[in-house]
Amino acid sequence: MESVAPASVDAHGWGWRHASRRAWALRDVSFHIEPGERVLLLGASGAGKSTLLQGLAGVLGGEDEGESHGELLVDGALAAASRGRSGLVLQDPDAQMILARVGDDVAFGCENLGVPREQIWPRVRWALDAVGLDVPLDRPTKALSGGQKQRLALAGALAMRPGLLLLDEPTANLDPGGVAEVRGAVERVLDETGASLVVVEHRVEVWLPLVTRVIVIGPDGVIADGSPEAVLGERGAELADAGVWVPGIPPVVPASVGGLRSVGGLGPAGSSVGGEVLLDARDLAVARVRGVPVASGIDLEVRAGEALAIVGANGAGKSTLGLTLAGLLPAAAGEVTAASVLAGDAGGSPIAWRSRELLTRIGMVFQDPEHQLLAKTVREELEVGPRALGLTDDVIAPRVGELLERLRLAPLARANPYTLSGGEKRRLTVAAALATAPRVLVLDEPTFGQDARTWAELVAMLAALRDDGVAIVTITHDDAVVRALQARRFVLGAAT
């Protein structure tokens, strides 16, 4: 691939405030990035990292979307006027999928830039190969797994050959092989094109061999800026205390966060005997599209007071299995049987759950947080489930208040959920699932977007729920979560 002119970046006292928020997402940010520099951008969850990347890509919107101050420049011009120089991969890959077929989706950006037709398809094929997405060009984008969608979004950005590559947690939902492929693809692109890089990632160690500089931001500007050795070595302990992931300083999971059952009614209703089988899958096949199973021959048990980790490669069907266990997809073959203590009066097997029946029985946290956001404010989002159960305000208020505090969402209670960072949205969806006190909790990539501090607090909360008798099912590539929860592993094989 031919080289491109690498872009420079300048921030002069820049900040942004969402139109629906009183507080600034970040402010007084100043730095200069030389053409061709490779920068790792760090900060605690909610520090404004994604907002900064979107600002550099020129996609934050106009005055109706929010208010800015200072300047954000790409190659000396306002970032909003330099969109063709930047390629952005968002935290949420679904937000970047435009067209129905893989090849068309990757080609879309090139077409918008006016790339000659004879050059587009070689770029598309190269970009897909570079990120390890080995699928036909006519594969429906909706048929891709979450990890495959992330690779698709990266391929779309790479195909445009940007002078500035902006990556927002590009490996968040990938298996180890996928992580290595994506990082390798980015490295090859940078070596071949000379483009500048700004990457946001909590998997710091993945990018250290590639980057030459680390910038750490907080709500009030730049906290640290320098070489990886200087920032993460000399100031590592200080940054770790602030929630930044620092290699060699693992997060400390609190020994206890206190019982959840006693505050606000957050524990599960009734009681289950520890180890009691609540869901039993036998010879189960699962499918997103009727008649096209992605995994089959599954036998597993979900037990009260235990954590179960569903692990495996991207595309193996983990998320589809989670949705099936949660009663949101029918079994393609075989069955999932609910114990009488869980099923209650919902009927015999197979149960066709009604949504109200699931509220206090099985809670689901989707891989993509935005797929389950329903309300206009964070507080109202947590009230949706309890109100559907007919609970009164005197019961709902302490329950919601406790969840807001436990998950560091209290300052955002009035905020529009869609203006939250990726990590904040994840904690919000976990809280919303907990608000109805289910007996079984299925979480798809529960630690996505978390800093070291919120990761530890979230894991401690899940451990406390497990100890209170809740069955925890986590779908994850985060092996540290599996270890911390002392989870039983269920390895799902490759997709068929």
Protein backbone atom coordinates (compact mmCIF):
# COMPACT_ATOMS: atom_id res chain seq x y z
CA MET A 1 0.00 0.00 0.00
CA GLU A 2 1.30 3.44 -0.91
CA SER A 3 2.19 5.91 1.83
CA VAL A 4 -0.07 8.77 2.88
CA ALA A 5 0.72 12.15 4.35
CA PRO A 6 0.57 11.69 8.14
CA ALA A 7 -1.55 14.24 9.96
CA SER A 8 -0.60 16.54 12.82
CA VAL A 9 -2.95 17.25 15.72
CA ASP A 10 -3.26 20.28 17.99
CA ALA A 11 -5.55 20.86 20.95
CA HIS A 12 -5.61 24.35 22.41
CA GLY A 13 -7.62 24.53 25.64
CA TRP A 14 -10.27 22.36 24.00
CA GLY A 15 -13.38 21.08 25.78
CA TRP A 16 -16.85 19.75 25.07
CA ARG A 17 -20.16 19.75 26.93
CA HIS A 18 -23.12 17.67 25.73
CA ALA A 19 -26.28 19.72 25.21
CA SER A 20 -28.19 17.68 27.80
CA ARG A 21 -25.48 17.89 30.48
CA ARG A 22 -24.43 20.65 32.86
CA ALA A 23 -20.94 19.30 33.42
CA TRP A 24 -18.26 19.36 30.74
CA ALA A 25 -17.23 15.95 29.38
CA LEU A 26 -13.68 17.32 29.37
CA ARG A 27 -12.09 20.74 29.20
CA ASP A 28 -8.81 22.65 28.96
CA VAL A 29 -7.14 19.89 26.94
CA SER A 30 -3.92 21.01 25.25
CA PHE A 31 -1.28 18.98 23.40
CA HIS A 32 0.51 18.69 20.04
CA ILE A 33 0.99 15.47 18.07
CA GLU A 34 3.63 15.43 15.34
CA PRO A 35 2.85 13.78 11.99
CA GLY A 36 3.50 10.05 12.26
CA GLU A 37 3.44 9.89 16.05
CA ARG A 38 1.74 6.91 17.67
CA VAL A 39 -0.14 7.88 20.84
CA LEU A 40 -1.91 5.80 23.47
CA LEU A 41 -4.66 7.91 25.09
CA LEU A 42 -5.52 6.84 28.64
CA GLY A 43 -7.82 8.01 31.41
CA ALA A 44 -10.42 6.82 33.89
CA SER A 45 -13.87 5.74 32.69
CA GLY A 46 -15.83 8.89 31.82
CA ALA A 47 -12.74 11.08 31.46
CA GLY A 48 -13.74 12.08 27.92
CA LYS A 49 -11.45 9.89 25.81
CA SER A 50 -14.15 8.85 23.33
CA THR A 51 -15.39 12.44 23.14
CA LEU A 52 -11.90 13.63 22.24
CA LEU A 53 -11.58 11.03 19.46
CA GLN A 54 -14.97 11.99 18.05
CA GLY A 55 -13.92 15.63 18.17
CA LEU A 56 -10.75 14.84 16.22
CA ALA A 57 -12.83 12.96 13.65
CA GLY A 58 -15.20 15.94 13.33
CA VAL A 59 -18.33 13.97 14.20
CA LEU A 60 -19.47 15.56 17.47
CA GLY A 61 -22.12 17.64 15.72
CA GLY A 62 -23.10 21.29 15.83
CA GLU A 63 -24.47 23.63 18.47
CA ASP A 64 -27.65 21.58 18.87
CA GLU A 65 -25.51 18.62 20.00
CA GLY A 66 -23.32 20.45 22.47
CA GLU A 67 -20.93 23.29 23.25
CA SER A 68 -17.18 23.46 22.68
CA HIS A 69 -14.44 25.85 23.68
CA GLY A 70 -10.86 26.17 22.54
CA GLU A 71 -9.60 24.68 19.29
CA LEU A 72 -9.09 21.14 17.96
CA LEU A 73 -7.02 21.10 14.77
CA VAL A 74 -5.94 18.45 12.27
CA ASP A 75 -3.15 19.61 9.94
CA GLY A 76 -3.73 23.15 11.17
CA ALA A 77 -7.42 23.22 10.15
CA LEU A 78 -10.46 22.77 12.36
CA ALA A 79 -11.06 19.07 12.87
CA ALA A 80 -14.69 19.37 11.75
CA ALA A 81 -13.43 20.60 8.36
CA SER A 82 -10.81 17.82 8.00
CA ARG A 83 -12.95 14.68 8.15
CA GLY A 84 -11.33 13.15 5.08
CA ARG A 85 -7.98 13.02 6.89
CA SER A 86 -9.23 10.94 9.82
CA GLY A 87 -10.44 7.37 10.11
CA LEU A 88 -12.40 6.63 13.30
CA VAL A 89 -13.32 3.26 14.80
CA LEU A 90 -15.97 3.76 17.49
CA GLN A 91 -16.48 1.82 20.71
CA ASP A 92 -19.79 0.56 19.35
CA PRO A 93 -19.20 -1.16 15.97
CA ASP A 94 -22.95 -1.32 15.27
CA ALA A 95 -22.99 2.47 15.14
CA GLN A 96 -20.65 2.32 12.14
CA MET A 97 -22.37 -0.38 10.13
CA ILE A 98 -24.07 1.37 7.23
CA LEU A 99 -24.76 -1.21 4.53
CA ALA A 100 -26.16 -4.73 4.55
CA ARG A 101 -23.18 -6.59 3.05
CA VAL A 102 -19.62 -6.76 4.32
CA GLY A 103 -17.91 -5.64 1.11
CA ASP A 104 -20.28 -2.74 0.54
CA ASP A 105 -19.86 -1.56 4.12
CA VAL A 106 -16.06 -1.45 3.87
CA ALA A 107 -16.28 0.29 0.49
CA PHE A 108 -18.68 2.98 1.74
CA GLY A 109 -16.05 5.35 3.11
CA CYS A 110 -13.90 5.06 -0.01
CA GLU A 111 -16.90 5.89 -2.19
CA ASN A 112 -17.62 8.97 -0.10
CA LEU A 113 -14.03 10.13 -0.58
CA GLY A 114 -14.32 9.73 -4.35
CA VAL A 115 -11.75 6.93 -4.64
CA PRO A 116 -11.71 5.60 -8.26
CA ARG A 117 -13.84 2.47 -8.60
CA GLU A 118 -10.94 0.33 -9.85
CA GLN A 119 -9.06 1.07 -6.61
CA ILE A 120 -11.93 0.50 -4.16
CA TRP A 121 -12.30 -3.27 -4.27
CA PRO A 122 -8.58 -4.05 -3.97
CA ARG A 123 -8.57 -1.76 -0.92
CA VAL A 124 -11.63 -3.54 0.51
CA ARG A 125 -10.08 -6.99 0.12
CA TRP A 126 -6.75 -5.80 1.55
CA ALA A 127 -8.42 -4.20 4.56
CA LEU A 128 -10.47 -7.31 5.35
CA ASP A 129 -7.39 -9.51 5.06
CA ALA A 130 -5.42 -7.12 7.24
CA VAL A 131 -7.87 -7.41 10.15
CA GLY A 132 -8.35 -11.17 9.73
CA LEU A 133 -12.01 -11.03 8.74
CA ASP A 134 -12.12 -13.96 6.35
CA VAL A 135 -15.74 -13.84 5.16
CA PRO A 136 -17.34 -13.49 1.72
CA LEU A 137 -17.89 -9.93 0.52
CA ASP A 138 -21.62 -10.61 0.31
CA ARG A 139 -21.89 -11.86 3.92
CA PRO A 140 -24.75 -9.99 5.67
CA THR A 141 -23.33 -7.62 8.26
CA LYS A 142 -26.13 -8.53 10.67
CA ALA A 143 -24.86 -12.13 10.68
CA LEU A 144 -21.48 -11.13 12.17
CA SER A 145 -20.57 -11.63 15.81
CA GLY A 146 -19.70 -8.67 18.01
CA GLY A 147 -15.98 -9.27 17.57
CA GLN A 148 -16.35 -9.65 13.79
CA LYS A 149 -18.24 -6.34 13.66
CA GLN A 150 -15.30 -4.66 15.38
CA ARG A 151 -12.96 -5.98 12.71
CA LEU A 152 -15.37 -4.81 10.02
CA ALA A 153 -15.37 -1.27 11.43
CA LEU A 154 -11.57 -1.24 11.53
CA ALA A 155 -11.41 -2.51 7.94
CA GLY A 156 -13.69 0.32 6.84
CA ALA A 157 -11.38 2.88 8.44
CA LEU A 158 -8.21 1.30 7.03
CA ALA A 159 -9.58 1.15 3.49
CA MET A 160 -9.82 4.96 3.43
CA ARG A 161 -6.05 5.26 4.07
CA PRO A 162 -6.42 8.08 6.61
CA GLY A 163 -3.55 10.31 7.64
CA LEU A 164 -4.82 10.06 11.23
CA LEU A 165 -6.13 6.73 12.54
CA LEU A 166 -8.38 7.05 15.62
CA LEU A 167 -9.20 3.82 17.45
CA ASP A 168 -11.62 3.64 20.39
CA GLU A 169 -11.06 0.33 22.19
CA PRO A 170 -10.62 -1.65 18.97
CA THR A 171 -9.90 -4.96 20.74
CA ALA A 172 -12.46 -4.70 23.56
CA ASN A 173 -14.59 -7.72 22.57
CA LEU A 174 -12.00 -9.81 20.75
CA ASP A 175 -10.49 -13.16 21.70
CA PRO A 176 -6.67 -13.29 22.13
CA GLY A 177 -6.15 -14.36 18.53
CA GLY A 178 -8.33 -11.50 17.31
CA VAL A 179 -6.46 -9.02 19.49
CA ALA A 180 -3.14 -10.08 17.98
CA GLU A 181 -4.55 -9.90 14.45
CA VAL A 182 -6.00 -6.42 14.90
CA ARG A 183 -2.90 -5.00 16.51
CA GLY A 184 -0.79 -6.60 13.82
CA ALA A 185 -3.04 -5.11 11.14
CA VAL A 186 -2.74 -1.64 12.65
CA GLU A 187 1.04 -1.98 12.89
CA ARG A 188 1.31 -3.03 9.24
CA VAL A 189 -0.87 -0.13 8.13
CA LEU A 190 1.18 2.38 10.09
CA ASP A 191 4.47 0.95 8.81
CA GLU A 192 3.23 1.00 5.21
CA THR A 193 1.44 4.36 5.22
CA GLY A 194 3.20 6.38 7.92
CA ALA A 195 -0.15 7.54 9.31
CA SER A 196 -0.48 9.09 12.78
CA LEU A 197 -2.26 7.06 15.47
CA VAL A 198 -4.33 7.88 18.55
CA VAL A 199 -5.69 4.77 20.25
CA VAL A 200 -7.86 4.50 23.36
CA GLU A 201 -7.59 1.11 25.02
CA HIS A 202 -7.78 -0.35 28.50
CA ARG A 203 -5.62 -3.29 27.37
CA VAL A 204 -2.58 -1.09 27.73
CA GLU A 205 0.00 -3.86 27.35
CA VAL A 206 -1.32 -4.74 23.89
CA TRP A 207 -0.32 -1.36 22.44
CA LEU A 208 2.88 -0.53 24.33
CA PRO A 209 5.16 -2.17 21.73
CA LEU A 210 3.53 -0.03 19.03
CA VAL A 211 3.15 3.44 20.57
CA THR A 212 5.84 6.03 21.21
CA ARG A 213 3.90 8.30 23.56
CA VAL A 214 1.22 8.14 26.26
CA ILE A 215 -1.21 10.96 27.04
CA VAL A 216 -3.44 10.66 30.11
CA ILE A 217 -6.48 12.93 30.36
CA GLY A 218 -8.97 13.76 33.09
CA PRO A 219 -12.08 15.95 33.13
CA ASP A 220 -9.91 19.05 33.62
CA GLY A 221 -7.21 18.45 31.04
CA VAL A 222 -4.00 16.50 30.52
CA ILE A 223 -2.75 14.67 33.61
CA ALA A 224 0.41 13.14 32.15
CA ASP A 225 2.20 13.24 28.79
CA GLY A 226 5.44 11.57 27.76
CA SER A 227 7.10 8.33 26.78
CA PRO A 228 5.42 5.10 27.95
CA GLU A 229 8.33 4.48 30.29
CA ALA A 230 8.10 7.90 31.90
CA VAL A 231 4.32 8.03 32.25
CA LEU A 232 3.56 4.44 33.26
CA GLY A 233 6.81 3.84 35.11
CA GLU A 234 7.52 6.99 37.08
CA ARG A 235 3.85 7.88 37.67
CA GLY A 236 2.35 4.39 37.51
CA ALA A 237 1.22 4.14 41.13
CA GLU A 238 -0.39 7.58 41.04
CA LEU A 239 -2.27 6.82 37.81
CA ALA A 240 -3.40 3.41 39.07
CA ASP A 241 -4.93 5.06 42.12
CA ALA A 242 -6.90 7.29 39.73
CA GLY A 243 -8.28 4.22 37.93
CA VAL A 244 -5.92 4.10 34.94
CA TRP A 245 -4.89 0.62 33.85
CA VAL A 246 -1.14 0.33 34.47
CA PRO A 247 0.74 -2.84 33.46
CA GLY A 248 2.16 -4.61 36.49
CA ILE A 249 -0.34 -3.02 38.88
CA PRO A 250 -3.44 -5.23 38.83
CA PRO A 251 -6.70 -3.83 40.22
CA VAL A 252 -7.50 -4.88 43.76
CA VAL A 253 -10.96 -6.43 44.02
CA PRO A 254 -12.57 -5.41 47.34
CA ALA A 255 -12.91 -8.35 49.70
CA SER A 256 -16.57 -7.39 50.15
CA VAL A 257 -18.90 -4.68 48.95
CA GLY A 258 -21.48 -5.54 51.58
CA GLY A 259 -24.58 -7.60 51.11
CA LEU A 260 -26.87 -6.40 48.35
CA ARG A 261 -29.92 -8.10 49.80
CA SER A 262 -30.26 -5.68 52.71
CA VAL A 263 -30.18 -2.36 50.85
CA GLY A 264 -33.03 -1.32 48.62
CA GLY A 265 -34.21 -4.87 48.04
CA LEU A 266 -31.39 -5.64 45.60
CA GLY A 267 -31.03 -9.29 46.53
CA PRO A 268 -33.06 -11.95 44.73
CA ALA A 269 -36.59 -12.54 45.96
CA GLY A 270 -37.09 -15.80 47.82
CA SER A 271 -34.16 -18.12 48.21
CA SER A 272 -32.27 -20.74 46.27
CA VAL A 273 -30.11 -23.51 47.63
CA GLY A 274 -26.45 -22.99 46.74
CA GLY A 275 -25.58 -25.16 43.75
CA GLU A 276 -29.22 -25.79 42.84
CA VAL A 277 -29.64 -26.12 39.07
CA LEU A 278 -31.83 -23.25 37.83
CA LEU A 279 -31.37 -23.72 34.07
CA ASP A 280 -30.50 -27.01 32.39
CA ALA A 281 -29.55 -27.11 28.70
CA ARG A 282 -29.50 -30.47 26.95
CA ASP A 283 -28.34 -31.14 23.38
CA LEU A 284 -29.00 -27.47 22.75
CA ALA A 285 -28.47 -25.75 19.40
CA VAL A 286 -28.61 -21.96 19.19
CA ALA A 287 -29.23 -19.64 16.24
CA ARG A 288 -29.77 -15.94 15.54
CA VAL A 289 -31.40 -16.77 12.20
CA ARG A 290 -33.97 -19.55 12.14
CA GLY A 291 -32.55 -22.71 10.60
CA VAL A 292 -28.92 -21.53 10.75
CA PRO A 293 -27.46 -22.76 14.07
CA VAL A 294 -24.13 -21.27 15.13
CA ALA A 295 -23.47 -23.86 17.84
CA SER A 296 -25.02 -27.23 18.72
CA GLY A 297 -24.72 -30.21 21.02
CA ILE A 298 -24.52 -27.96 24.10
CA ASP A 299 -25.02 -29.48 27.55
CA LEU A 300 -24.63 -27.17 30.53
CA GLU A 301 -26.15 -26.27 33.89
CA VAL A 302 -26.65 -22.83 35.42
CA ARG A 303 -26.57 -23.11 39.21
CA ALA A 304 -27.64 -20.80 42.02
CA GLY A 305 -24.83 -19.14 43.92
CA GLU A 306 -22.26 -19.94 41.22
CA ALA A 307 -20.54 -18.07 38.40
CA LEU A 308 -20.40 -19.69 34.98
CA ALA A 309 -18.06 -18.24 32.33
CA ILE A 310 -18.87 -18.92 28.69
CA VAL A 311 -15.63 -18.54 26.76
CA GLY A 312 -14.43 -19.28 23.24
CA ALA A 313 -13.37 -17.71 19.97
CA ASN A 314 -15.19 -14.85 18.30
CA GLY A 315 -18.05 -16.14 16.17
CA ALA A 316 -18.45 -19.35 18.20
CA GLY A 317 -21.98 -18.38 19.26
CA LYS A 318 -21.36 -17.22 22.84
CA SER A 319 -23.69 -14.23 22.68
CA THR A 320 -26.37 -16.29 20.94
CA LEU A 321 -26.10 -18.92 23.68
CA GLY A 322 -26.45 -16.20 26.32
CA LEU A 323 -29.59 -14.82 24.70
CA THR A 324 -31.04 -18.33 24.50
CA LEU A 325 -30.32 -19.05 28.17
CA ALA A 326 -31.92 -15.71 29.02
CA GLY A 327 -35.13 -16.70 27.26
CA LEU A 328 -34.78 -14.05 24.55
CA LEU A 329 -34.16 -16.49 21.69
CA PRO A 330 -35.83 -19.88 21.17
CA ALA A 331 -33.70 -23.01 21.10
CA ALA A 332 -32.91 -24.10 17.53
CA ALA A 333 -32.82 -27.70 18.78
CA GLY A 334 -32.72 -29.43 22.14
CA GLU A 335 -34.09 -27.55 25.14
CA VAL A 336 -33.43 -25.28 28.10
CA THR A 337 -35.38 -26.39 31.17
CA ALA A 338 -36.03 -24.02 34.07
CA ALA A 339 -36.24 -25.43 37.60
CA SER A 340 -39.60 -25.02 39.32
CA VAL A 341 -38.14 -22.50 41.77
CA LEU A 342 -37.25 -20.32 38.76
CA ALA A 343 -40.16 -21.09 36.44
CA GLY A 344 -42.90 -20.66 39.05
CA ASP A 345 -46.21 -20.36 37.22
CA ALA A 346 -44.64 -19.53 33.84
CA GLY A 347 -45.66 -22.89 32.38
CA GLY A 348 -44.02 -26.13 31.35
CA SER A 349 -40.92 -26.72 29.24
CA PRO A 350 -40.08 -25.19 26.86
CA ILE A 351 -41.19 -21.95 28.48
CA ALA A 352 -42.27 -19.12 26.21
CA TRP A 353 -41.33 -16.41 28.69
CA ARG A 354 -43.34 -13.22 28.81
CA SER A 355 -41.23 -10.11 29.39
CA ARG A 356 -42.74 -9.40 32.82
CA GLU A 357 -41.99 -12.96 33.94
CA LEU A 358 -38.32 -12.55 33.04
CA LEU A 359 -37.88 -9.36 35.08
CA THR A 360 -37.48 -11.11 38.43
CA ARG A 361 -36.17 -14.38 37.02
CA ILE A 362 -33.49 -13.80 34.37
CA GLY A 363 -31.70 -10.50 33.77
CA MET A 364 -29.74 -9.95 30.55
CA VAL A 365 -26.97 -7.45 29.88
CA PHE A 366 -26.41 -7.26 26.12
CA GLN A 367 -22.99 -7.00 24.53
CA ASP A 368 -23.99 -3.63 23.07
CA PRO A 369 -25.30 -1.37 25.86
CA GLU A 370 -27.31 0.82 23.48
CA HIS A 371 -29.47 -2.14 22.48
CA GLN A 372 -31.26 -1.95 25.82
CA LEU A 373 -31.46 1.77 26.58
CA LEU A 374 -35.10 2.88 26.85
CA ALA A 375 -35.38 6.09 28.88
CA LYS A 376 -34.41 9.76 28.64
CA THR A 377 -32.31 9.90 31.80
CA VAL A 378 -30.06 7.53 33.71
CA ARG A 379 -32.38 7.52 36.74
CA GLU A 380 -35.44 6.80 34.60
CA GLU A 381 -33.55 3.94 32.92
CA LEU A 382 -33.10 2.25 36.28
CA GLU A 383 -36.78 2.78 37.09
CA VAL A 384 -38.11 1.04 33.95
CA GLY A 385 -37.99 -2.52 35.31
CA PRO A 386 -39.27 -1.79 38.83
CA ARG A 387 -42.18 0.25 37.42
CA ALA A 388 -43.06 -2.61 35.06
CA LEU A 389 -43.32 -4.79 38.17
CA GLY A 390 -45.74 -2.31 39.73
CA LEU A 391 -43.43 -1.36 42.58
CA THR A 392 -44.21 1.82 44.47
CA ASP A 393 -41.99 4.90 44.62
CA ASP A 394 -41.02 4.24 48.23
CA VAL A 395 -39.54 0.91 47.11
CA ILE A 396 -38.07 2.13 43.82
CA ALA A 397 -36.29 5.23 45.16
CA PRO A 398 -33.86 3.53 47.60
CA ARG A 399 -33.24 0.69 45.17
CA VAL A 400 -32.33 3.04 42.32
CA GLY A 401 -30.37 5.33 44.62
CA GLU A 402 -28.27 2.43 45.86
CA LEU A 403 -27.47 1.28 42.34
CA LEU A 404 -26.53 4.79 41.25
CA GLU A 405 -24.06 5.06 44.12
CA ARG A 406 -22.63 1.55 43.84
CA LEU A 407 -21.92 1.89 40.13
CA ARG A 408 -20.62 5.50 40.20
CA LEU A 409 -23.58 6.80 38.23
CA ALA A 410 -25.05 9.21 40.81
CA PRO A 411 -23.52 12.37 39.22
CA LEU A 412 -25.08 11.26 35.92
CA ALA A 413 -28.59 10.61 37.21
CA ARG A 414 -30.13 13.34 35.04
CA ALA A 415 -27.97 12.67 31.97
CA ASN A 416 -29.23 11.27 28.69
CA PRO A 417 -27.96 7.65 28.64
CA TYR A 418 -26.75 8.05 25.05
CA THR A 419 -24.28 10.78 26.10
CA LEU A 420 -22.50 8.47 28.56
CA SER A 421 -19.12 6.93 27.80
CA GLY A 422 -18.97 3.29 26.78
CA GLY A 423 -17.92 2.20 30.26
CA GLU A 424 -20.66 4.26 31.90
CA LYS A 425 -23.28 2.78 29.56
CA ARG A 426 -22.07 -0.70 30.50
CA ARG A 427 -22.45 0.01 34.22
CA LEU A 428 -25.88 1.51 33.57
CA THR A 429 -27.11 -1.64 31.82
CA VAL A 430 -25.75 -3.82 34.62
CA ALA A 431 -27.58 -1.63 37.13
CA ALA A 432 -30.80 -1.79 35.10
CA ALA A 433 -30.66 -5.58 35.10
CA LEU A 434 -30.07 -5.63 38.86
CA ALA A 435 -32.96 -3.25 39.54
CA THR A 436 -35.51 -6.08 39.26
CA ALA A 437 -33.48 -8.48 41.47
CA PRO A 438 -33.33 -11.47 39.09
CA ARG A 439 -32.31 -14.96 40.24
CA VAL A 440 -30.16 -15.48 37.12
CA LEU A 441 -27.98 -12.75 35.63
CA VAL A 442 -26.53 -13.21 32.12
CA LEU A 443 -23.87 -10.63 31.22
CA ASP A 444 -22.23 -10.32 27.81
CA GLU A 445 -18.77 -8.72 28.19
CA PRO A 446 -19.65 -7.11 31.55
CA THR A 447 -16.29 -5.36 32.03
CA PHE A 448 -16.18 -3.66 28.64
CA GLY A 449 -14.93 -0.05 28.88
CA GLN A 450 -14.08 -0.16 32.59
CA ASP A 451 -11.08 1.46 34.18
CA ALA A 452 -9.13 -0.41 36.84
CA ARG A 453 -11.20 1.00 39.69
CA THR A 454 -14.67 0.44 38.21
CA TRP A 455 -13.58 -3.00 36.97
CA ALA A 456 -12.70 -4.05 40.52
CA GLU A 457 -15.91 -2.61 41.96
CA LEU A 458 -18.07 -4.28 39.32
CA VAL A 459 -16.41 -7.66 39.82
CA ALA A 460 -16.84 -7.32 43.60
CA MET A 461 -20.54 -6.58 43.13
CA LEU A 462 -21.01 -9.66 40.93
CA ALA A 463 -19.18 -11.76 43.52
CA ALA A 464 -21.49 -10.44 46.25
CA LEU A 465 -24.55 -11.31 44.14
CA ARG A 466 -23.16 -14.79 43.60
CA ASP A 467 -22.69 -15.18 47.34
CA ASP A 468 -26.30 -14.01 47.84
CA GLY A 469 -27.47 -16.97 45.71
CA VAL A 470 -27.75 -15.34 42.27
CA ALA A 471 -26.61 -17.46 39.33
CA ILE A 472 -24.04 -15.42 37.37
CA VAL A 473 -23.43 -16.26 33.70
CA THR A 474 -20.70 -14.15 32.11
CA ILE A 475 -19.69 -14.21 28.46
CA THR A 476 -16.20 -12.80 28.35
CA HIS A 477 -12.73 -12.66 26.86
CA ASP A 478 -11.47 -11.13 30.12
CA ASP A 479 -9.73 -14.02 31.83
CA ALA A 480 -9.13 -11.91 34.95
CA VAL A 481 -12.91 -11.75 35.47
CA VAL A 482 -13.14 -15.54 35.25
CA ARG A 483 -10.45 -15.92 37.89
CA ALA A 484 -11.79 -13.22 40.18
CA LEU A 485 -15.29 -14.73 40.18
CA GLN A 486 -13.89 -18.26 40.58
CA ALA A 487 -16.13 -19.11 37.65
CA ARG A 488 -16.72 -22.52 36.16
CA ARG A 489 -15.62 -22.40 32.51
CA PHE A 490 -17.70 -23.56 29.59
CA VAL A 491 -15.69 -23.45 26.36
CA LEU A 492 -17.86 -23.06 23.27
CA GLY A 493 -16.30 -24.49 20.13
CA ALA A 494 -15.73 -22.78 16.79
CA ALA A 495 -18.70 -21.65 14.74
CA THR A 496 -20.11 -24.07 12.22
